[in-house]
Structures are given as C-alpha cells and as structure tokens.
Amino acid sequence: MVEKLDFSLIVCEFDERLGPIPIISYPEIKNKLALQIASKSIDFLIEEEPTSAKYLAFLPFPLKKKKAIVANFEWKDKNLRGGAGVGSFSLIFKDSDDIYYYKYIKDIEPFFDEATEQLIELKTNKAKQQTLNDKLKEIHKRFAEKLKELIYNDSVTEPKSSYRSTNIIIQTILECILRAERNRSNPREGIIKSHLINYCSLKSTTADKYFLKLEKAGYISSYQEPWGQRTRIIYKTTEKGRERYQWFVQINIEIEAEA
C-alpha cells in the first residue's frame, strides 16, 4: 500500500485574447504541461455544453504519463463577454496511481466543490495573484490530508497494476450516466458519448465494446441528437440498468470487504 499520493493542483481560465491559459499551480507544474492542461481542460469543458461542468472528468495526458481530475467553474464579470469568466480546477496525478483516485473519487468530490466555490469568490472579487497562491496552497494541504487519511484507513493493498475489473468498469459507466440523468440542469435525457468516455477514462475502442455489451444486455439505450451538420450519440439508462447498478455497487463492496 502506498504511504502517500503525490499530486499537483492547477487553476486555468479562458482568456478572451489568448485562449485557455494556466494562471496558478502548486506544486508548480512546468509550463509546457501546464499549457496542455489548460488547453485540454478548458476546451473539453466548453466544447459542447456548459452543463458538463456539473461533473468531475478524468482527462488523460499519456505522453506525460499523467491524468487529471477536472472541475470547472464560472464567475461573474461584467467586463467579459457574456458577463462571466470560465475556469478549470484540476488535480494532476501519475497514471500509476489512478486506481486510488477512482476508488476515492466520491470521498474527495466535496473538496472539489469547496475549492471551486472559493475560487469563484476570489475571481469575482478580483483577488491578487499572491492571494490566489496562498489559497491554492491551503487547498492542496486539505486534499493531501484527506488522501493521507483515506490511505491510512484503507485495508486494501496496492495492486500490482492499474487494472480495473469488468464489474468496476460497468459500475462506473452506469454511475456516470445516472449522474447526468439526475442533474436538473442537463438539457437532455442521458449523456453525450464523448463525455461519458472521458468521465470513465476509457480508450474509445474499449468504451465501444462495453457500451455495445450493455446495450445488448438491456442496461442502457442510445439515441442520436442533431449537432450542427452532424449527429452525436446520447446514452441513457434503462429500468433494468438502474436496478443492476445497485447490484454492482453491492457486489463490489462485498468483494472489497473480503480483500
């Protein structure tokens, strides 16, 4: 079992002149990677629908052997186009540690909510850079303490690989769709396929295999909606899928308890 998880936090925003830019990170992330994170996180979060901001997304950076858990936030600013600014708050970690973050995601989700609320307040009040620096260090400390607590209390030894069982993958897919369906601000019934793949951090080929199996099993269904000159696929759960989701949750809890 690992003793601690090393990670960095980074805040990025969309600049009307420069596009997506990093504004602060702690511990400091090298400029090239910081720019990649800014571009990928902001582009993903504003690509299609602002409602995707309601979810934490796992985004891969394979060349750097890193992954990011990303949340976005908006703040009011009458001087900006649309009267609001858009930013992303991301936790960056090593690929090899991803199994822990998948396991602990529900435990640290409230910390993302708290962090983005604090960032919104600071950006709304046009806080100085040093104030942002101090706040990010404080947020990093809270995240580190929570992760340390989770690791200490976790009786499951570190696996030899980051392999995720079929049960966990299916549970994650169903959970992501259900979260989208429960989001009252979601304008559609279900979730966009590209968003689902990113939230589950699956390769496209692997995701397609699971989506096909789950459709054939009657756990999920799909439909197409117009998107400009093209269409995109939307997935939603069925009654059977919602029932089976509870089964998978219980099965995985029991399996972990026996580990």
C-alpha atoms as a PDB file:
ATOM      1  CA  MET A   1       0.000   0.000   0.000  1.00  0.00           C
ATOM      2  CA  VAL A   2       1.337   3.460  -0.856  1.00  0.00           C
ATOM      3  CA  GLU A   3       2.117   5.821   2.028  1.00  0.00           C
ATOM      4  CA  LYS A   4       1.050   8.961   0.176  1.00  0.00           C
ATOM      5  CA  LEU A   5      -0.133  10.171  -3.215  1.00  0.00           C
ATOM      6  CA  ASP A   6       1.852  12.880  -4.945  1.00  0.00           C
ATOM      7  CA  PHE A   7      -0.242  15.361  -6.910  1.00  0.00           C
ATOM      8  CA  SER A   8      -0.391  18.948  -8.084  1.00  0.00           C
ATOM      9  CA  LEU A   9      -3.281  21.385  -8.370  1.00  0.00           C
ATOM     10  CA  ILE A  10      -3.675  23.835 -11.227  1.00  0.00           C
ATOM     11  CA  VAL A  11      -6.147  26.607 -11.994  1.00  0.00           C
ATOM     12  CA  CYS A  12      -6.700  27.662 -15.607  1.00  0.00           C
ATOM     13  CA  GLU A  13      -9.021  30.110 -17.301  1.00  0.00           C
ATOM     14  CA  PHE A  14     -10.204  31.191 -20.724  1.00  0.00           C
ATOM     15  CA  ASP A  15      -8.609  34.466 -21.763  1.00  0.00           C
ATOM     16  CA  GLU A  16     -10.536  36.286 -24.488  1.00  0.00           C
ATOM     17  CA  ARG A  17      -7.294  37.278 -26.228  1.00  0.00           C
ATOM     18  CA  LEU A  18      -5.014  34.287 -25.564  1.00  0.00           C
ATOM     19  CA  GLY A  19      -7.489  31.433 -25.170  1.00  0.00           C
ATOM     20  CA  PRO A  20      -7.024  28.786 -22.424  1.00  0.00           C
ATOM     21  CA  ILE A  21      -4.145  29.691 -20.095  1.00  0.00           C
ATOM     22  CA  PRO A  22      -2.793  28.402 -16.763  1.00  0.00           C
ATOM     23  CA  ILE A  23      -2.838  31.046 -14.045  1.00  0.00           C
ATOM     24  CA  ILE A  24      -1.501  29.191 -10.993  1.00  0.00           C
ATOM     25  CA  SER A  25      -0.311  25.724  -9.918  1.00  0.00           C
ATOM     26  CA  TYR A  26       1.010  24.126  -6.739  1.00  0.00           C
ATOM     27  CA  PRO A  27       3.414  22.420  -6.547  1.00  0.00           C
ATOM     28  CA  GLU A  28       4.475  24.242  -9.679  1.00  0.00           C
ATOM     29  CA  ILE A  29       3.783  22.444 -12.965  1.00  0.00           C
ATOM     30  CA  LYS A  30       6.213  23.024 -15.826  1.00  0.00           C
ATOM     31  CA  ASN A  31       4.957  25.496 -18.393  1.00  0.00           C
ATOM     32  CA  LYS A  32       4.592  23.062 -21.311  1.00  0.00           C
ATOM     33  CA  LEU A  33       2.444  20.628 -19.346  1.00  0.00           C
ATOM     34  CA  ALA A  34       0.531  23.493 -17.721  1.00  0.00           C
ATOM     35  CA  LEU A  35      -0.378  24.841 -21.168  1.00  0.00           C
ATOM     36  CA  GLN A  36      -1.515  21.366 -22.282  1.00  0.00           C
ATOM     37  CA  ILE A  37      -3.703  21.026 -19.195  1.00  0.00           C
ATOM     38  CA  ALA A  38      -5.190  24.483 -19.740  1.00  0.00           C
ATOM     39  CA  SER A  39      -5.976  23.780 -23.385  1.00  0.00           C
ATOM     40  CA  LYS A  40      -7.415  20.312 -22.832  1.00  0.00           C
ATOM     41  CA  SER A  41      -9.429  21.092 -19.706  1.00  0.00           C
ATOM     42  CA  ILE A  42     -10.954  24.365 -20.903  1.00  0.00           C
ATOM     43  CA  ASP A  43     -11.606  23.109 -24.439  1.00  0.00           C
ATOM     44  CA  PHE A  44     -13.293  19.994 -23.100  1.00  0.00           C
ATOM     45  CA  LEU A  45     -15.452  21.843 -20.608  1.00  0.00           C
ATOM     46  CA  ILE A  46     -16.738  24.486 -23.039  1.00  0.00           C
ATOM     47  CA  GLU A  47     -16.655  22.314 -26.174  1.00  0.00           C
ATOM     48  CA  GLU A  48     -20.330  21.498 -26.261  1.00  0.00           C
ATOM     49  CA  GLU A  49     -22.394  22.276 -23.199  1.00  0.00           C
ATOM     50  CA  PRO A  50     -21.748  24.342 -20.063  1.00  0.00           C
ATOM     51  CA  THR A  51     -23.788  21.752 -18.160  1.00  0.00           C
ATOM     52  CA  SER A  52     -20.853  19.327 -18.394  1.00  0.00           C
ATOM     53  CA  ALA A  53     -19.322  21.479 -15.637  1.00  0.00           C
ATOM     54  CA  LYS A  54     -21.512  19.653 -13.111  1.00  0.00           C
ATOM     55  CA  TYR A  55     -19.253  16.607 -13.278  1.00  0.00           C
ATOM     56  CA  LEU A  56     -15.681  15.708 -12.445  1.00  0.00           C
ATOM     57  CA  ALA A  57     -13.932  14.494 -15.578  1.00  0.00           C
ATOM     58  CA  PHE A  58     -10.845  12.286 -15.821  1.00  0.00           C
ATOM     59  CA  LEU A  59      -8.655  13.526 -18.685  1.00  0.00           C
ATOM     60  CA  PRO A  60      -5.517  11.640 -19.827  1.00  0.00           C
ATOM     61  CA  PHE A  61      -2.104  13.070 -20.714  1.00  0.00           C
ATOM     62  CA  PRO A  62      -0.440   9.872 -21.963  1.00  0.00           C
ATOM     63  CA  LEU A  63       2.796  11.407 -23.212  1.00  0.00           C
ATOM     64  CA  LYS A  64       3.474  12.729 -19.709  1.00  0.00           C
ATOM     65  CA  LYS A  65       2.111   9.582 -18.025  1.00  0.00           C
ATOM     66  CA  LYS A  66      -0.315  11.787 -16.127  1.00  0.00           C
ATOM     67  CA  LYS A  67      -4.048  12.095 -15.635  1.00  0.00           C
ATOM     68  CA  ALA A  68      -6.211  14.927 -14.353  1.00  0.00           C
ATOM     69  CA  ILE A  69      -9.445  15.145 -12.423  1.00  0.00           C
ATOM     70  CA  VAL A  70     -11.078  18.297 -13.723  1.00  0.00           C
ATOM     71  CA  ALA A  71     -13.887  20.525 -12.486  1.00  0.00           C
ATOM     72  CA  ASN A  72     -14.822  23.854 -13.995  1.00  0.00           C
ATOM     73  CA  PHE A  73     -16.303  26.997 -12.540  1.00  0.00           C
ATOM     74  CA  GLU A  74     -17.741  30.313 -13.675  1.00  0.00           C
ATOM     75  CA  TRP A  75     -17.697  33.724 -12.047  1.00  0.00           C
ATOM     76  CA  LYS A  76     -19.500  36.944 -12.807  1.00  0.00           C
ATOM     77  CA  ASP A  77     -17.507  39.664 -14.530  1.00  0.00           C
ATOM     78  CA  LYS A  78     -19.364  42.361 -16.438  1.00  0.00           C
ATOM     79  CA  ASN A  79     -16.174  43.263 -18.311  1.00  0.00           C
ATOM     80  CA  LEU A  80     -16.026  39.863 -20.007  1.00  0.00           C
ATOM     81  CA  ARG A  81     -18.031  38.642 -22.963  1.00  0.00           C
ATOM     82  CA  GLY A  82     -21.283  37.149 -21.736  1.00  0.00           C
ATOM     83  CA  GLY A  83     -20.754  38.741 -18.328  1.00  0.00           C
ATOM     84  CA  ALA A  84     -18.872  35.746 -16.952  1.00  0.00           C
ATOM     85  CA  GLY A  85     -15.463  34.075 -16.876  1.00  0.00           C
ATOM     86  CA  VAL A  86     -14.793  30.349 -17.294  1.00  0.00           C
ATOM     87  CA  GLY A  87     -12.068  28.438 -15.491  1.00  0.00           C
ATOM     88  CA  SER A  88     -10.948  24.912 -14.651  1.00  0.00           C
ATOM     89  CA  PHE A  89      -9.587  23.462 -11.416  1.00  0.00           C
ATOM     90  CA  SER A  90      -7.593  20.259 -11.853  1.00  0.00           C
ATOM     91  CA  LEU A  91      -5.801  17.689  -9.734  1.00  0.00           C
ATOM     92  CA  ILE A  92      -2.861  16.160 -11.651  1.00  0.00           C
ATOM     93  CA  PHE A  93      -1.509  12.724 -10.723  1.00  0.00           C
ATOM     94  CA  LYS A  94       0.612   9.867 -12.049  1.00  0.00           C
ATOM     95  CA  ASP A  95      -1.018   7.249 -14.297  1.00  0.00           C
ATOM     96  CA  SER A  96       0.198   4.526 -11.950  1.00  0.00           C
ATOM     97  CA  ASP A  97      -1.861   5.995  -9.083  1.00  0.00           C
ATOM     98  CA  ASP A  98      -5.165   6.147 -10.963  1.00  0.00           C
ATOM     99  CA  ILE A  99      -6.710   3.144  -9.206  1.00  0.00           C
ATOM    100  CA  TYR A 100      -6.620   5.084  -5.911  1.00  0.00           C
ATOM    101  CA  TYR A 101      -8.304   8.147  -7.357  1.00  0.00           C
ATOM    102  CA  TYR A 102     -11.062   6.036  -8.916  1.00  0.00           C
ATOM    103  CA  LYS A 103     -11.534   4.424  -5.525  1.00  0.00           C
ATOM    104  CA  TYR A 104     -11.526   7.687  -3.553  1.00  0.00           C
ATOM    105  CA  ILE A 105     -13.345   9.931  -6.026  1.00  0.00           C
ATOM    106  CA  LYS A 106     -16.571  10.094  -4.008  1.00  0.00           C
ATOM    107  CA  ASP A 107     -14.607  10.963  -0.871  1.00  0.00           C
ATOM    108  CA  ILE A 108     -12.742  13.873  -2.449  1.00  0.00           C
ATOM    109  CA  GLU A 109     -15.606  15.206  -4.590  1.00  0.00           C
ATOM    110  CA  PRO A 110     -16.791  17.571  -1.799  1.00  0.00           C
ATOM    111  CA  PHE A 111     -13.275  19.039  -1.707  1.00  0.00           C
ATOM    112  CA  PHE A 112     -13.606  19.952  -5.403  1.00  0.00           C
ATOM    113  CA  ASP A 113     -16.942  21.634  -4.674  1.00  0.00           C
ATOM    114  CA  GLU A 114     -15.434  23.624  -1.807  1.00  0.00           C
ATOM    115  CA  ALA A 115     -12.346  24.583  -3.835  1.00  0.00           C
ATOM    116  CA  THR A 116     -14.319  25.846  -6.839  1.00  0.00           C
ATOM    117  CA  GLU A 117     -16.629  27.867  -4.577  1.00  0.00           C
ATOM    118  CA  GLN A 118     -13.582  29.552  -3.024  1.00  0.00           C
ATOM    119  CA  LEU A 119     -12.062  30.222  -6.441  1.00  0.00           C
ATOM    120  CA  ILE A 120     -15.322  31.744  -7.667  1.00  0.00           C
ATOM    121  CA  GLU A 121     -15.324  34.118  -4.707  1.00  0.00           C
ATOM    122  CA  LEU A 122     -11.694  35.110  -5.287  1.00  0.00           C
ATOM    123  CA  LYS A 123     -12.148  35.663  -9.028  1.00  0.00           C
ATOM    124  CA  THR A 124     -15.371  37.611  -8.500  1.00  0.00           C
ATOM    125  CA  ASN A 125     -13.567  39.902  -6.064  1.00  0.00           C
ATOM    126  CA  LYS A 126     -10.566  40.187  -8.424  1.00  0.00           C
ATOM    127  CA  ALA A 127      -8.141  38.794  -5.846  1.00  0.00           C
ATOM    128  CA  LYS A 128      -4.435  39.458  -6.298  1.00  0.00           C
ATOM    129  CA  GLN A 129      -2.083  36.715  -7.531  1.00  0.00           C
ATOM    130  CA  GLN A 130      -0.494  36.237  -4.102  1.00  0.00           C
ATOM    131  CA  THR A 131      -3.928  35.689  -2.558  1.00  0.00           C
ATOM    132  CA  LEU A 132      -4.630  33.017  -5.188  1.00  0.00           C
ATOM    133  CA  ASN A 133      -1.236  31.422  -4.473  1.00  0.00           C
ATOM    134  CA  ASP A 134      -1.925  31.253  -0.748  1.00  0.00           C
ATOM    135  CA  LYS A 135      -5.406  29.844  -1.270  1.00  0.00           C
ATOM    136  CA  LEU A 136      -4.189  27.096  -3.640  1.00  0.00           C
ATOM    137  CA  LYS A 137      -1.532  26.026  -1.118  1.00  0.00           C
ATOM    138  CA  GLU A 138      -4.241  25.850   1.544  1.00  0.00           C
ATOM    139  CA  ILE A 139      -6.494  23.783  -0.739  1.00  0.00           C
ATOM    140  CA  HIS A 140      -3.579  21.456  -1.580  1.00  0.00           C
ATOM    141  CA  LYS A 141      -2.949  20.884   2.127  1.00  0.00           C
ATOM    142  CA  ARG A 142      -6.583  19.886   2.704  1.00  0.00           C
ATOM    143  CA  PHE A 143      -6.550  17.495  -0.255  1.00  0.00           C
ATOM    144  CA  ALA A 144      -3.262  15.944   0.946  1.00  0.00           C
ATOM    145  CA  GLU A 145      -4.610  15.444   4.477  1.00  0.00           C
ATOM    146  CA  LYS A 146      -7.788  13.789   3.192  1.00  0.00           C
ATOM    147  CA  LEU A 147      -5.888  11.460   0.831  1.00  0.00           C
ATOM    148  CA  LYS A 148      -3.491  10.541   3.649  1.00  0.00           C
ATOM    149  CA  GLU A 149      -6.476   9.705   5.860  1.00  0.00           C
ATOM    150  CA  LEU A 150      -8.068   7.565   3.145  1.00  0.00           C
ATOM    151  CA  ILE A 151      -4.854   5.644   2.536  1.00  0.00           C
ATOM    152  CA  TYR A 152      -4.334   5.103   6.265  1.00  0.00           C
ATOM    153  CA  ASN A 153      -7.846   3.719   6.668  1.00  0.00           C
ATOM    154  CA  ASP A 154      -7.689   1.611   3.543  1.00  0.00           C
ATOM    155  CA  SER A 155      -7.053  -2.050   4.243  1.00  0.00           C
ATOM    156  CA  VAL A 156      -6.714  -2.901   0.536  1.00  0.00           C
ATOM    157  CA  THR A 157      -3.089  -3.358  -0.501  1.00  0.00           C
ATOM    158  CA  GLU A 158      -1.811  -1.618  -3.586  1.00  0.00           C
ATOM    159  CA  PRO A 159      -2.465  -3.783  -6.661  1.00  0.00           C
ATOM    160  CA  LYS A 160       0.415  -4.755  -8.945  1.00  0.00           C
ATOM    161  CA  SER A 161      -1.197  -2.996 -11.869  1.00  0.00           C
ATOM    162  CA  SER A 162      -3.831  -0.349 -12.519  1.00  0.00           C
ATOM    163  CA  TYR A 163      -6.171  -2.966 -13.980  1.00  0.00           C
ATOM    164  CA  ARG A 164      -9.828  -2.287 -13.342  1.00  0.00           C
ATOM    165  CA  SER A 165     -12.189  -5.245 -13.141  1.00  0.00           C
ATOM    166  CA  THR A 166     -15.122  -5.587 -15.505  1.00  0.00           C
ATOM    167  CA  ASN A 167     -17.500  -5.056 -12.573  1.00  0.00           C
ATOM    168  CA  ILE A 168     -15.877  -1.735 -11.649  1.00  0.00           C
ATOM    169  CA  ILE A 169     -15.911  -0.502 -15.249  1.00  0.00           C
ATOM    170  CA  ILE A 170     -19.594  -1.368 -15.703  1.00  0.00           C
ATOM    171  CA  GLN A 171     -20.469   0.254 -12.376  1.00  0.00           C
ATOM    172  CA  THR A 172     -18.552   3.399 -13.372  1.00  0.00           C
ATOM    173  CA  ILE A 173     -20.304   3.641 -16.759  1.00  0.00           C
ATOM    174  CA  LEU A 174     -23.751   3.257 -15.219  1.00  0.00           C
ATOM    175  CA  GLU A 175     -22.908   5.691 -12.425  1.00  0.00           C
ATOM    176  CA  CYS A 176     -21.773   8.390 -14.869  1.00  0.00           C
ATOM    177  CA  ILE A 177     -24.968   8.085 -16.910  1.00  0.00           C
ATOM    178  CA  LEU A 178     -27.121   8.163 -13.773  1.00  0.00           C
ATOM    179  CA  ARG A 179     -25.381  11.298 -12.527  1.00  0.00           C
ATOM    180  CA  ALA A 180     -26.131  13.024 -15.822  1.00  0.00           C
ATOM    181  CA  GLU A 181     -29.766  11.955 -15.649  1.00  0.00           C
ATOM    182  CA  ARG A 182     -30.115  13.284 -12.093  1.00  0.00           C
ATOM    183  CA  ASN A 183     -28.638  16.662 -12.991  1.00  0.00           C
ATOM    184  CA  ARG A 184     -31.609  19.011 -13.240  1.00  0.00           C
ATOM    185  CA  SER A 185     -29.723  21.479 -15.436  1.00  0.00           C
ATOM    186  CA  ASN A 186     -28.926  18.788 -18.011  1.00  0.00           C
ATOM    187  CA  PRO A 187     -30.938  19.715 -21.138  1.00  0.00           C
ATOM    188  CA  ARG A 188     -31.110  16.133 -22.386  1.00  0.00           C
ATOM    189  CA  GLU A 189     -32.131  12.698 -21.167  1.00  0.00           C
ATOM    190  CA  GLY A 190     -28.784  10.988 -20.782  1.00  0.00           C
ATOM    191  CA  ILE A 191     -25.153  11.859 -21.516  1.00  0.00           C
ATOM    192  CA  ILE A 192     -23.131  12.603 -24.655  1.00  0.00           C
ATOM    193  CA  LYS A 193     -20.954   9.652 -25.674  1.00  0.00           C
ATOM    194  CA  SER A 194     -17.693  11.638 -25.811  1.00  0.00           C
ATOM    195  CA  HIS A 195     -18.317  12.979 -22.298  1.00  0.00           C
ATOM    196  CA  LEU A 196     -19.057   9.511 -20.968  1.00  0.00           C
ATOM    197  CA  ILE A 197     -15.809   8.114 -22.410  1.00  0.00           C
ATOM    198  CA  ASN A 198     -13.795  10.899 -20.770  1.00  0.00           C
ATOM    199  CA  TYR A 199     -15.527  10.635 -17.396  1.00  0.00           C
ATOM    200  CA  CYS A 200     -14.853   6.883 -17.324  1.00  0.00           C
ATOM    201  CA  SER A 201     -11.258   7.376 -18.580  1.00  0.00           C
ATOM    202  CA  LEU A 202     -11.597   4.588 -21.142  1.00  0.00           C
ATOM    203  CA  LYS A 203      -9.994   4.176 -24.533  1.00  0.00           C
ATOM    204  CA  SER A 204     -12.542   4.667 -27.311  1.00  0.00           C
ATOM    205  CA  THR A 205     -12.221   1.071 -28.522  1.00  0.00           C
ATOM    206  CA  THR A 206     -12.669  -0.312 -25.010  1.00  0.00           C
ATOM    207  CA  ALA A 207     -15.598   2.010 -24.324  1.00  0.00           C
ATOM    208  CA  ASP A 208     -17.362   0.970 -27.540  1.00  0.00           C
ATOM    209  CA  LYS A 209     -17.113  -2.708 -26.546  1.00  0.00           C
ATOM    210  CA  TYR A 210     -18.636  -2.048 -23.134  1.00  0.00           C
ATOM    211  CA  PHE A 211     -21.352   0.249 -24.475  1.00  0.00           C
ATOM    212  CA  LEU A 212     -22.351  -2.405 -27.023  1.00  0.00           C
ATOM    213  CA  LYS A 213     -22.451  -5.146 -24.377  1.00  0.00           C
ATOM    214  CA  LEU A 214     -24.506  -3.003 -22.003  1.00  0.00           C
ATOM    215  CA  GLU A 215     -26.982  -2.135 -24.755  1.00  0.00           C
ATOM    216  CA  LYS A 216     -27.356  -5.791 -25.735  1.00  0.00           C
ATOM    217  CA  ALA A 217     -27.879  -6.687 -22.077  1.00  0.00           C
ATOM    218  CA  GLY A 218     -30.611  -4.062 -21.821  1.00  0.00           C
ATOM    219  CA  TYR A 219     -28.805  -1.944 -19.209  1.00  0.00           C
ATOM    220  CA  ILE A 220     -28.551   1.191 -21.373  1.00  0.00           C
ATOM    221  CA  SER A 221     -30.060   2.539 -24.582  1.00  0.00           C
ATOM    222  CA  SER A 222     -28.871   5.139 -27.070  1.00  0.00           C
ATOM    223  CA  TYR A 223     -30.308   7.697 -29.442  1.00  0.00           C
ATOM    224  CA  GLN A 224     -28.926  10.370 -31.738  1.00  0.00           C
ATOM    225  CA  GLU A 225     -29.452  14.119 -31.496  1.00  0.00           C
ATOM    226  CA  PRO A 226     -28.613  16.768 -34.123  1.00  0.00           C
ATOM    227  CA  TRP A 227     -25.358  18.654 -33.622  1.00  0.00           C
ATOM    228  CA  GLY A 228     -24.814  21.239 -36.337  1.00  0.00           C
ATOM    229  CA  GLN A 229     -24.414  19.373 -39.610  1.00  0.00           C
ATOM    230  CA  ARG A 230     -23.743  16.129 -37.744  1.00  0.00           C
ATOM    231  CA  THR A 231     -25.329  13.998 -35.051  1.00  0.00           C
ATOM    232  CA  ARG A 232     -23.995  12.714 -31.767  1.00  0.00           C
ATOM    233  CA  ILE A 233     -24.848   9.679 -29.671  1.00  0.00           C
ATOM    234  CA  ILE A 234     -26.569  10.021 -26.291  1.00  0.00           C
ATOM    235  CA  TYR A 235     -26.677   7.168 -23.774  1.00  0.00           C
ATOM    236  CA  LYS A 236     -29.282   6.724 -21.040  1.00  0.00           C
ATOM    237  CA  THR A 237     -30.035   4.012 -18.510  1.00  0.00           C
ATOM    238  CA  THR A 238     -32.981   1.633 -18.589  1.00  0.00           C
ATOM    239  CA  GLU A 239     -35.010   0.471 -15.608  1.00  0.00           C
ATOM    240  CA  LYS A 240     -33.073  -2.798 -15.741  1.00  0.00           C
ATOM    241  CA  GLY A 241     -29.771  -0.877 -15.833  1.00  0.00           C
ATOM    242  CA  ARG A 242     -30.696   1.193 -12.792  1.00  0.00           C
ATOM    243  CA  GLU A 243     -31.566  -1.960 -10.901  1.00  0.00           C
ATOM    244  CA  ARG A 244     -28.362  -3.718 -11.962  1.00  0.00           C
ATOM    245  CA  TYR A 245     -26.303  -0.692 -10.944  1.00  0.00           C
ATOM    246  CA  GLN A 246     -27.334  -1.250  -7.320  1.00  0.00           C
ATOM    247  CA  TRP A 247     -26.303  -4.886  -7.696  1.00  0.00           C
ATOM    248  CA  PHE A 248     -22.838  -3.939  -8.943  1.00  0.00           C
ATOM    249  CA  VAL A 249     -22.362  -1.456  -6.107  1.00  0.00           C
ATOM    250  CA  GLN A 250     -23.220  -4.107  -3.524  1.00  0.00           C
ATOM    251  CA  ILE A 251     -21.102  -6.800  -5.224  1.00  0.00           C
ATOM    252  CA  ASN A 252     -18.036  -4.550  -5.358  1.00  0.00           C
ATOM    253  CA  ILE A 253     -18.466  -3.518  -1.708  1.00  0.00           C
ATOM    254  CA  GLU A 254     -18.625  -7.174  -0.670  1.00  0.00           C
ATOM    255  CA  ILE A 255     -15.603  -8.113  -2.800  1.00  0.00           C
ATOM    256  CA  GLU A 256     -13.531  -5.270  -1.348  1.00  0.00           C
ATOM    257  CA  ALA A 257     -14.584  -6.234   2.173  1.00  0.00           C
ATOM    258  CA  GLU A 258     -13.208  -9.727   1.596  1.00  0.00           C
ATOM    259  CA  ALA A 259      -9.890  -8.472   0.132  1.00  0.00           C
END
